[in-house]
Each structure stands twice: as structure tokens, then as C-alpha cells.
PDB file of all heavy atoms in Angstrom:
ATOM      1  N   GLY A   1      -7.820 -11.384   7.177  1.00  0.00           N
ATOM      2  CA  GLY A   1      -8.619 -11.146   5.976  1.00  0.00           C
ATOM      3  C   GLY A   1      -8.624  -9.708   5.694  1.00  0.00           C
ATOM      4  O   GLY A   1      -8.753  -9.390   4.539  1.00  0.00           O
ATOM      5  N   LEU A   2      -8.491  -8.877   6.704  1.00  0.00           N
ATOM      6  CA  LEU A   2      -8.463  -7.499   6.454  1.00  0.00           C
ATOM      7  C   LEU A   2      -7.275  -7.019   5.748  1.00  0.00           C
ATOM      8  O   LEU A   2      -7.291  -5.894   5.153  1.00  0.00           O
ATOM      9  CB  LEU A   2      -8.745  -6.728   7.713  1.00  0.00           C
ATOM     10  CG  LEU A   2     -10.020  -7.179   8.486  1.00  0.00           C
ATOM     11  CD1 LEU A   2     -10.094  -6.232   9.746  1.00  0.00           C
ATOM     12  CD2 LEU A   2     -11.257  -6.856   7.612  1.00  0.00           C
ATOM     13  N   TYR A   3      -6.261  -7.737   5.713  1.00  0.00           N
ATOM     14  CA  TYR A   3      -5.087  -7.425   4.888  1.00  0.00           C
ATOM     15  C   TYR A   3      -4.644  -8.378   3.858  1.00  0.00           C
ATOM     16  O   TYR A   3      -3.543  -8.600   3.407  1.00  0.00           O
ATOM     17  CB  TYR A   3      -3.793  -7.078   5.620  1.00  0.00           C
ATOM     18  CG  TYR A   3      -3.368  -8.031   6.814  1.00  0.00           C
ATOM     19  CD1 TYR A   3      -2.561  -9.069   6.488  1.00  0.00           C
ATOM     20  CD2 TYR A   3      -3.860  -7.847   7.994  1.00  0.00           C
ATOM     21  CE1 TYR A   3      -2.099  -9.884   7.465  1.00  0.00           C
ATOM     22  CE2 TYR A   3      -3.408  -8.783   9.130  1.00  0.00           C
ATOM     23  CZ  TYR A   3      -2.468  -9.768   8.769  1.00  0.00           C
ATOM     24  OH  TYR A   3      -2.153 -10.678   9.821  1.00  0.00           O
ATOM     25  N   GLY A   4      -5.725  -9.117   3.496  1.00  0.00           N
ATOM     26  CA  GLY A   4      -5.739 -10.054   2.334  1.00  0.00           C
ATOM     27  C   GLY A   4      -4.985 -11.318   2.576  1.00  0.00           C
ATOM     28  O   GLY A   4      -4.612 -11.987   1.607  1.00  0.00           O
ATOM     29  N   GLU A   5      -4.902 -11.963   3.779  1.00  0.00           N
ATOM     30  CA  GLU A   5      -4.337 -13.192   4.074  1.00  0.00           C
ATOM     31  C   GLU A   5      -5.285 -14.114   4.761  1.00  0.00           C
ATOM     32  O   GLU A   5      -6.161 -13.725   5.540  1.00  0.00           O
ATOM     33  CB  GLU A   5      -3.117 -13.091   4.969  1.00  0.00           C
ATOM     34  CG  GLU A   5      -1.951 -12.283   4.127  1.00  0.00           C
ATOM     35  CD  GLU A   5      -0.551 -12.397   4.804  1.00  0.00           C
ATOM     36  OE1 GLU A   5      -0.469 -13.025   5.899  1.00  0.00           O
ATOM     37  OE2 GLU A   5       0.351 -11.823   4.248  1.00  0.00           O
ATOM     38  N   LYS A   6      -4.938 -15.364   4.621  1.00  0.00           N
ATOM     39  CA  LYS A   6      -5.694 -16.407   5.515  1.00  0.00           C
ATOM     40  C   LYS A   6      -5.116 -16.483   6.877  1.00  0.00           C
ATOM     41  O   LYS A   6      -4.087 -15.859   7.104  1.00  0.00           O
ATOM     42  CB  LYS A   6      -5.555 -17.889   4.835  1.00  0.00           C
ATOM     43  CG  LYS A   6      -6.147 -18.032   3.543  1.00  0.00           C
ATOM     44  CD  LYS A   6      -5.918 -19.417   2.987  1.00  0.00           C
ATOM     45  CE  LYS A   6      -6.517 -19.634   1.654  1.00  0.00           C
ATOM     46  NZ  LYS A   6      -6.320 -21.061   1.082  1.00  0.00           N
ATOM     47  N   THR A   7      -5.946 -16.953   7.835  1.00  0.00           N
ATOM     48  CA  THR A   7      -5.584 -16.830   9.222  1.00  0.00           C
ATOM     49  C   THR A   7      -4.731 -18.041   9.795  1.00  0.00           C
ATOM     50  O   THR A   7      -4.956 -19.168   9.631  1.00  0.00           O
ATOM     51  CB  THR A   7      -6.832 -16.924  10.168  1.00  0.00           C
ATOM     52  OG1 THR A   7      -7.627 -15.819   9.669  1.00  0.00           O
ATOM     53  CG2 THR A   7      -6.621 -16.662  11.510  1.00  0.00           C
ATOM     54  N   SER A   8      -3.593 -17.728  10.190  1.00  0.00           N
ATOM     55  CA  SER A   8      -2.619 -18.626  10.794  1.00  0.00           C
ATOM     56  C   SER A   8      -3.092 -19.334  11.983  1.00  0.00           C
ATOM     57  O   SER A   8      -4.010 -18.777  12.743  1.00  0.00           O
ATOM     58  CB  SER A   8      -1.285 -17.865  11.177  1.00  0.00           C
ATOM     59  OG  SER A   8      -0.556 -18.693  12.042  1.00  0.00           O
ATOM     60  N   LEU A   9      -2.756 -20.545  12.192  1.00  0.00           N
ATOM     61  CA  LEU A   9      -3.141 -21.267  13.524  1.00  0.00           C
ATOM     62  C   LEU A   9      -2.674 -20.436  14.751  1.00  0.00           C
ATOM     63  O   LEU A   9      -3.222 -20.766  15.860  1.00  0.00           O
ATOM     64  CB  LEU A   9      -2.516 -22.620  13.541  1.00  0.00           C
ATOM     65  CG  LEU A   9      -3.139 -23.552  12.370  1.00  0.00           C
ATOM     66  CD1 LEU A   9      -2.347 -24.845  12.489  1.00  0.00           C
ATOM     67  CD2 LEU A   9      -4.594 -23.809  12.555  1.00  0.00           C
ATOM     68  N   LEU A  10      -1.720 -19.527  14.524  1.00  0.00           N
ATOM     69  CA  LEU A  10      -1.116 -18.996  15.737  1.00  0.00           C
ATOM     70  C   LEU A  10      -1.677 -17.507  15.885  1.00  0.00           C
ATOM     71  O   LEU A  10      -1.308 -16.753  16.874  1.00  0.00           O
ATOM     72  CB  LEU A  10       0.425 -18.936  15.663  1.00  0.00           C
ATOM     73  CG  LEU A  10       1.005 -20.194  15.639  1.00  0.00           C
ATOM     74  CD1 LEU A  10       2.541 -20.048  15.386  1.00  0.00           C
ATOM     75  CD2 LEU A  10       0.929 -20.895  16.999  1.00  0.00           C
ATOM     76  N   THR A  11      -2.555 -17.111  15.177  1.00  0.00           N
ATOM     77  CA  THR A  11      -3.219 -15.698  15.139  1.00  0.00           C
ATOM     78  C   THR A  11      -4.411 -15.843  15.957  1.00  0.00           C
ATOM     79  O   THR A  11      -5.226 -16.725  15.934  1.00  0.00           O
ATOM     80  CB  THR A  11      -3.707 -15.256  13.802  1.00  0.00           C
ATOM     81  OG1 THR A  11      -2.504 -14.975  12.996  1.00  0.00           O
ATOM     82  CG2 THR A  11      -4.501 -14.023  13.857  1.00  0.00           C
ATOM     83  N   ARG A  12      -4.569 -14.942  16.878  1.00  0.00           N
ATOM     84  CA  ARG A  12      -5.714 -14.910  17.850  1.00  0.00           C
ATOM     85  C   ARG A  12      -6.530 -13.515  17.718  1.00  0.00           C
ATOM     86  O   ARG A  12      -5.942 -12.486  18.004  1.00  0.00           O
ATOM     87  CB  ARG A  12      -5.246 -14.979  19.369  1.00  0.00           C
ATOM     88  CG  ARG A  12      -4.594 -16.402  19.620  1.00  0.00           C
ATOM     89  CD  ARG A  12      -4.330 -16.462  21.185  1.00  0.00           C
ATOM     90  NE  ARG A  12      -5.414 -16.273  21.984  1.00  0.00           N
ATOM     91  CZ  ARG A  12      -5.389 -16.161  23.281  1.00  0.00           C
ATOM     92  NH1 ARG A  12      -4.098 -16.199  23.889  1.00  0.00           N
ATOM     93  NH2 ARG A  12      -6.475 -16.045  24.060  1.00  0.00           N
ATOM     94  N   VAL A  13      -7.717 -13.609  17.262  1.00  0.00           N
ATOM     95  CA  VAL A  13      -8.574 -12.477  17.130  1.00  0.00           C
ATOM     96  C   VAL A  13      -9.516 -12.345  18.198  1.00  0.00           C
ATOM     97  O   VAL A  13     -10.223 -13.343  18.488  1.00  0.00           O
ATOM     98  CB  VAL A  13      -9.237 -12.482  15.631  1.00  0.00           C
ATOM     99  CG1 VAL A  13     -10.140 -11.241  15.501  1.00  0.00           C
ATOM    100  CG2 VAL A  13      -8.211 -12.522  14.598  1.00  0.00           C
ATOM    101  N   GLU A  14      -9.524 -11.269  18.899  1.00  0.00           N
ATOM    102  CA  GLU A  14     -10.500 -11.047  20.014  1.00  0.00           C
ATOM    103  C   GLU A  14     -11.655 -10.053  19.839  1.00  0.00           C
ATOM    104  O   GLU A  14     -12.645 -10.131  20.373  1.00  0.00           O
ATOM    105  CB  GLU A  14      -9.736 -10.692  21.285  1.00  0.00           C
ATOM    106  CG  GLU A  14      -8.672 -11.815  21.649  1.00  0.00           C
ATOM    107  CD  GLU A  14      -7.737 -11.390  22.827  1.00  0.00           C
ATOM    108  OE1 GLU A  14      -8.114 -10.219  23.343  1.00  0.00           O
ATOM    109  OE2 GLU A  14      -6.943 -12.095  23.098  1.00  0.00           O
ATOM    110  N   ASP A  15     -11.412  -8.972  19.046  1.00  0.00           N
ATOM    111  CA  ASP A  15     -12.326  -7.848  18.987  1.00  0.00           C
ATOM    112  C   ASP A  15     -12.409  -7.331  17.589  1.00  0.00           C
ATOM    113  O   ASP A  15     -11.849  -6.308  17.208  1.00  0.00           O
ATOM    114  CB  ASP A  15     -11.921  -6.878  19.940  1.00  0.00           C
ATOM    115  CG  ASP A  15     -12.921  -5.798  20.272  1.00  0.00           C
ATOM    116  OD1 ASP A  15     -14.049  -5.821  19.620  1.00  0.00           O
ATOM    117  OD2 ASP A  15     -12.835  -5.003  21.139  1.00  0.00           O
ATOM    118  N   PRO A  16     -13.204  -7.850  16.615  1.00  0.00           N
ATOM    119  CA  PRO A  16     -13.325  -7.516  15.264  1.00  0.00           C
ATOM    120  C   PRO A  16     -13.505  -6.053  15.068  1.00  0.00           C
ATOM    121  O   PRO A  16     -12.979  -5.339  14.303  1.00  0.00           O
ATOM    122  CB  PRO A  16     -14.286  -8.450  14.625  1.00  0.00           C
ATOM    123  CG  PRO A  16     -14.297  -9.571  15.524  1.00  0.00           C
ATOM    124  CD  PRO A  16     -14.030  -9.131  16.984  1.00  0.00           C
ATOM    125  N   TYR A  17     -14.589  -5.540  15.880  1.00  0.00           N
ATOM    126  CA  TYR A  17     -15.043  -4.166  15.578  1.00  0.00           C
ATOM    127  C   TYR A  17     -13.964  -3.072  15.968  1.00  0.00           C
ATOM    128  O   TYR A  17     -13.922  -2.035  15.438  1.00  0.00           O
ATOM    129  CB  TYR A  17     -16.427  -3.816  16.439  1.00  0.00           C
ATOM    130  CG  TYR A  17     -17.480  -3.641  15.399  1.00  0.00           C
ATOM    131  CD1 TYR A  17     -18.293  -4.609  14.932  1.00  0.00           C
ATOM    132  CD2 TYR A  17     -17.699  -2.307  14.862  1.00  0.00           C
ATOM    133  CE1 TYR A  17     -19.327  -4.410  14.045  1.00  0.00           C
ATOM    134  CE2 TYR A  17     -18.670  -2.176  13.970  1.00  0.00           C
ATOM    135  CZ  TYR A  17     -19.590  -3.054  13.679  1.00  0.00           C
ATOM    136  OH  TYR A  17     -20.516  -2.972  12.665  1.00  0.00           O
ATOM    137  N   ARG A  18     -13.149  -3.472  16.951  1.00  0.00           N
ATOM    138  CA  ARG A  18     -11.993  -2.506  17.238  1.00  0.00           C
ATOM    139  C   ARG A  18     -11.181  -2.398  15.936  1.00  0.00           C
ATOM    140  O   ARG A  18     -10.814  -1.311  15.631  1.00  0.00           O
ATOM    141  CB  ARG A  18     -11.264  -2.987  18.450  1.00  0.00           C
ATOM    142  CG  ARG A  18      -9.970  -2.064  18.649  1.00  0.00           C
ATOM    143  CD  ARG A  18      -9.110  -2.636  19.812  1.00  0.00           C
ATOM    144  NE  ARG A  18      -7.941  -1.613  19.781  1.00  0.00           N
ATOM    145  CZ  ARG A  18      -6.926  -1.919  20.538  1.00  0.00           C
ATOM    146  NH1 ARG A  18      -6.807  -2.951  21.295  1.00  0.00           N
ATOM    147  NH2 ARG A  18      -5.766  -1.100  20.538  1.00  0.00           N
ATOM    148  N   HIS A  19     -10.847  -3.570  15.355  1.00  0.00           N
ATOM    149  CA  HIS A  19     -10.014  -3.443  14.204  1.00  0.00           C
ATOM    150  C   HIS A  19     -10.711  -2.718  12.939  1.00  0.00           C
ATOM    151  O   HIS A  19     -10.171  -1.964  12.154  1.00  0.00           O
ATOM    152  CB  HIS A  19      -9.604  -4.865  13.678  1.00  0.00           C
ATOM    153  CG  HIS A  19      -8.779  -5.463  14.891  1.00  0.00           C
ATOM    154  ND1 HIS A  19      -7.742  -4.830  15.463  1.00  0.00           N
ATOM    155  CD2 HIS A  19      -8.957  -6.759  15.480  1.00  0.00           C
ATOM    156  CE1 HIS A  19      -7.234  -5.802  16.406  1.00  0.00           C
ATOM    157  NE2 HIS A  19      -8.000  -6.822  16.257  1.00  0.00           N
ATOM    158  N   TYR A  20     -11.988  -2.971  12.866  1.00  0.00           N
ATOM    159  CA  TYR A  20     -12.869  -2.310  11.829  1.00  0.00           C
ATOM    160  C   TYR A  20     -12.663  -0.740  12.007  1.00  0.00           C
ATOM    161  O   TYR A  20     -12.395   0.041  11.044  1.00  0.00           O
ATOM    162  CB  TYR A  20     -14.249  -2.535  11.871  1.00  0.00           C
ATOM    163  CG  TYR A  20     -14.583  -4.064  11.599  1.00  0.00           C
ATOM    164  CD1 TYR A  20     -15.855  -4.563  11.997  1.00  0.00           C
ATOM    165  CD2 TYR A  20     -13.712  -4.989  10.986  1.00  0.00           C
ATOM    166  CE1 TYR A  20     -16.387  -5.896  11.655  1.00  0.00           C
ATOM    167  CE2 TYR A  20     -14.009  -6.310  10.843  1.00  0.00           C
ATOM    168  CZ  TYR A  20     -15.378  -6.729  11.033  1.00  0.00           C
ATOM    169  OH  TYR A  20     -15.758  -8.019  10.864  1.00  0.00           O
ATOM    170  N   LEU A  21     -12.933  -0.196  13.140  1.00  0.00           N
ATOM    171  CA  LEU A  21     -12.832   1.162  13.501  1.00  0.00           C
ATOM    172  C   LEU A  21     -11.354   1.842  13.227  1.00  0.00           C
ATOM    173  O   LEU A  21     -11.278   2.699  12.447  1.00  0.00           O
ATOM    174  CB  LEU A  21     -13.292   1.442  14.802  1.00  0.00           C
ATOM    175  CG  LEU A  21     -13.165   2.868  15.251  1.00  0.00           C
ATOM    176  CD1 LEU A  21     -14.320   3.644  14.636  1.00  0.00           C
ATOM    177  CD2 LEU A  21     -13.161   3.127  16.777  1.00  0.00           C
ATOM    178  N   GLU A  22     -10.411   1.147  13.725  1.00  0.00           N
ATOM    179  CA  GLU A  22      -9.100   1.654  13.768  1.00  0.00           C
ATOM    180  C   GLU A  22      -8.459   1.543  12.428  1.00  0.00           C
ATOM    181  O   GLU A  22      -7.796   2.600  11.904  1.00  0.00           O
ATOM    182  CB  GLU A  22      -8.288   0.910  14.928  1.00  0.00           C
ATOM    183  CG  GLU A  22      -8.715   1.269  16.274  1.00  0.00           C
ATOM    184  CD  GLU A  22      -7.875   0.666  17.289  1.00  0.00           C
ATOM    185  OE1 GLU A  22      -6.708   0.259  17.012  1.00  0.00           O
ATOM    186  OE2 GLU A  22      -8.247   0.873  18.425  1.00  0.00           O
ATOM    187  N   LEU A  23      -8.751   0.481  11.677  1.00  0.00           N
ATOM    188  CA  LEU A  23      -8.254   0.367  10.320  1.00  0.00           C
ATOM    189  C   LEU A  23      -8.870   1.380   9.347  1.00  0.00           C
ATOM    190  O   LEU A  23      -8.083   2.017   8.527  1.00  0.00           O
ATOM    191  CB  LEU A  23      -8.329  -1.057   9.743  1.00  0.00           C
ATOM    192  CG  LEU A  23      -7.440  -2.186  10.265  1.00  0.00           C
ATOM    193  CD1 LEU A  23      -8.031  -3.544   9.874  1.00  0.00           C
ATOM    194  CD2 LEU A  23      -5.948  -1.957   9.782  1.00  0.00           C
ATOM    195  N   SER A  24     -10.077   1.621   9.483  1.00  0.00           N
ATOM    196  CA  SER A  24     -10.811   2.536   8.618  1.00  0.00           C
ATOM    197  C   SER A  24     -10.303   3.900   8.999  1.00  0.00           C
ATOM    198  O   SER A  24     -10.177   4.771   8.088  1.00  0.00           O
ATOM    199  CB  SER A  24     -12.345   2.419   8.774  1.00  0.00           C
ATOM    200  OG  SER A  24     -12.983   3.124   7.806  1.00  0.00           O
ATOM    201  N   PHE A  25     -10.063   4.314  10.208  1.00  0.00           N
ATOM    202  CA  PHE A  25      -9.507   5.664  10.612  1.00  0.00           C
ATOM    203  C   PHE A  25      -8.215   5.814  10.106  1.00  0.00           C
ATOM    204  O   PHE A  25      -8.028   6.885   9.562  1.00  0.00           O
ATOM    205  CB  PHE A  25      -9.672   5.744  12.117  1.00  0.00           C
ATOM    206  CG  PHE A  25      -9.534   7.050  12.678  1.00  0.00           C
ATOM    207  CD1 PHE A  25      -9.742   8.161  11.868  1.00  0.00           C
ATOM    208  CD2 PHE A  25      -9.462   7.345  14.016  1.00  0.00           C
ATOM    209  CE1 PHE A  25      -9.575   9.546  12.337  1.00  0.00           C
ATOM    210  CE2 PHE A  25      -9.316   8.556  14.592  1.00  0.00           C
ATOM    211  CZ  PHE A  25      -9.451   9.748  13.691  1.00  0.00           C
ATOM    212  N   VAL A  26      -7.418   4.812  10.104  1.00  0.00           N
ATOM    213  CA  VAL A  26      -6.060   4.933   9.609  1.00  0.00           C
ATOM    214  C   VAL A  26      -6.104   5.180   8.143  1.00  0.00           C
ATOM    215  O   VAL A  26      -5.483   6.126   7.608  1.00  0.00           O
ATOM    216  CB  VAL A  26      -5.109   3.710   9.860  1.00  0.00           C
ATOM    217  CG1 VAL A  26      -4.040   3.647   8.985  1.00  0.00           C
ATOM    218  CG2 VAL A  26      -4.784   3.489  11.324  1.00  0.00           C
ATOM    219  N   PHE A  27      -6.907   4.546   7.358  1.00  0.00           N
ATOM    220  CA  PHE A  27      -7.075   4.672   5.962  1.00  0.00           C
ATOM    221  C   PHE A  27      -7.578   6.162   5.671  1.00  0.00           C
ATOM    222  O   PHE A  27      -7.034   6.774   4.710  1.00  0.00           O
ATOM    223  CB  PHE A  27      -8.024   3.613   5.307  1.00  0.00           C
ATOM    224  CG  PHE A  27      -8.187   3.840   3.800  1.00  0.00           C
ATOM    225  CD1 PHE A  27      -7.142   3.447   2.953  1.00  0.00           C
ATOM    226  CD2 PHE A  27      -9.360   4.588   3.336  1.00  0.00           C
ATOM    227  CE1 PHE A  27      -7.379   3.664   1.559  1.00  0.00           C
ATOM    228  CE2 PHE A  27      -9.476   4.713   1.934  1.00  0.00           C
ATOM    229  CZ  PHE A  27      -8.388   4.370   1.076  1.00  0.00           C
ATOM    230  N   HIS A  28      -8.575   6.580   6.388  1.00  0.00           N
ATOM    231  CA  HIS A  28      -8.988   7.951   6.162  1.00  0.00           C
ATOM    232  C   HIS A  28      -8.037   9.001   6.573  1.00  0.00           C
ATOM    233  O   HIS A  28      -7.856  10.081   5.764  1.00  0.00           O
ATOM    234  CB  HIS A  28     -10.210   8.176   7.119  1.00  0.00           C
ATOM    235  CG  HIS A  28     -11.529   7.604   6.473  1.00  0.00           C
ATOM    236  ND1 HIS A  28     -11.868   6.328   6.429  1.00  0.00           N
ATOM    237  CD2 HIS A  28     -12.581   8.238   5.838  1.00  0.00           C
ATOM    238  CE1 HIS A  28     -13.039   6.121   5.884  1.00  0.00           C
ATOM    239  NE2 HIS A  28     -13.517   7.285   5.429  1.00  0.00           N
ATOM    240  N   LEU A  29      -7.122   8.632   7.433  1.00  0.00           N
ATOM    241  CA  LEU A  29      -6.109   9.595   7.765  1.00  0.00           C
ATOM    242  C   LEU A  29      -4.838   9.722   6.791  1.00  0.00           C
ATOM    243  O   LEU A  29      -4.481  10.774   6.392  1.00  0.00           O
ATOM    244  CB  LEU A  29      -5.422   9.282   9.238  1.00  0.00           C
ATOM    245  CG  LEU A  29      -6.290   9.571  10.428  1.00  0.00           C
ATOM    246  CD1 LEU A  29      -5.710   8.814  11.682  1.00  0.00           C
ATOM    247  CD2 LEU A  29      -6.374  11.048  10.653  1.00  0.00           C
ATOM    248  N   LEU A  30      -4.518   8.459   6.374  1.00  0.00           N
ATOM    249  CA  LEU A  30      -3.282   8.361   5.637  1.00  0.00           C
ATOM    250  C   LEU A  30      -3.450   7.911   4.103  1.00  0.00           C
ATOM    251  O   LEU A  30      -2.528   8.057   3.311  1.00  0.00           O
ATOM    252  CB  LEU A  30      -2.220   7.410   6.305  1.00  0.00           C
ATOM    253  CG  LEU A  30      -1.872   7.726   7.861  1.00  0.00           C
ATOM    254  CD1 LEU A  30      -0.964   6.588   8.160  1.00  0.00           C
ATOM    255  CD2 LEU A  30      -1.292   9.073   7.924  1.00  0.00           C
ATOM    256  N   GLY A  31      -4.565   7.300   3.799  1.00  0.00           N
ATOM    257  CA  GLY A  31      -4.748   6.705   2.495  1.00  0.00           C
ATOM    258  C   GLY A  31      -4.146   5.371   2.491  1.00  0.00           C
ATOM    259  O   GLY A  31      -3.542   5.003   3.512  1.00  0.00           O
ATOM    260  N   GLY A  32      -4.039   4.675   1.271  1.00  0.00           N
ATOM    261  CA  GLY A  32      -3.374   3.495   1.177  1.00  0.00           C
ATOM    262  C   GLY A  32      -3.527   2.742  -0.132  1.00  0.00           C
ATOM    263  O   GLY A  32      -4.173   3.452  -1.124  1.00  0.00           O
ATOM    264  N   TYR A  33      -2.812   1.667  -0.268  1.00  0.00           N
ATOM    265  CA  TYR A  33      -2.898   0.973  -1.537  1.00  0.00           C
ATOM    266  C   TYR A  33      -4.251   0.416  -1.957  1.00  0.00           C
ATOM    267  O   TYR A  33      -4.499   0.216  -3.132  1.00  0.00           O
ATOM    268  CB  TYR A  33      -1.834  -0.174  -1.519  1.00  0.00           C
ATOM    269  CG  TYR A  33      -0.429   0.158  -1.478  1.00  0.00           C
ATOM    270  CD1 TYR A  33       0.373  -0.315  -0.427  1.00  0.00           C
ATOM    271  CD2 TYR A  33       0.112   1.086  -2.433  1.00  0.00           C
ATOM    272  CE1 TYR A  33       1.773   0.016  -0.486  1.00  0.00           C
ATOM    273  CE2 TYR A  33       1.516   1.420  -2.388  1.00  0.00           C
ATOM    274  CZ  TYR A  33       2.253   0.892  -1.390  1.00  0.00           C
ATOM    275  OH  TYR A  33       3.661   1.271  -1.311  1.00  0.00           O
TER     276      TYR A  33
END
């Protein structure tokens, strides 16, 4: 959902807050669409 897609049956998410932090840091570093 963080890149705009539904979740596949084969996707395994374990630690949402890690992704919140790292994705936001990347966006602040590089910008994005």
C-alpha cells in the first residue's frame, strides 16, 4: 500500500514502522514522484 498496490498472497510484512522510517528518509534524501 505504501507504493500504491494491493497486497499479494506471497508478500510478507513484518515490521511496518521500519518501512515508514526508511521510505520517508529516502524521500527526504532524493525526492520522488
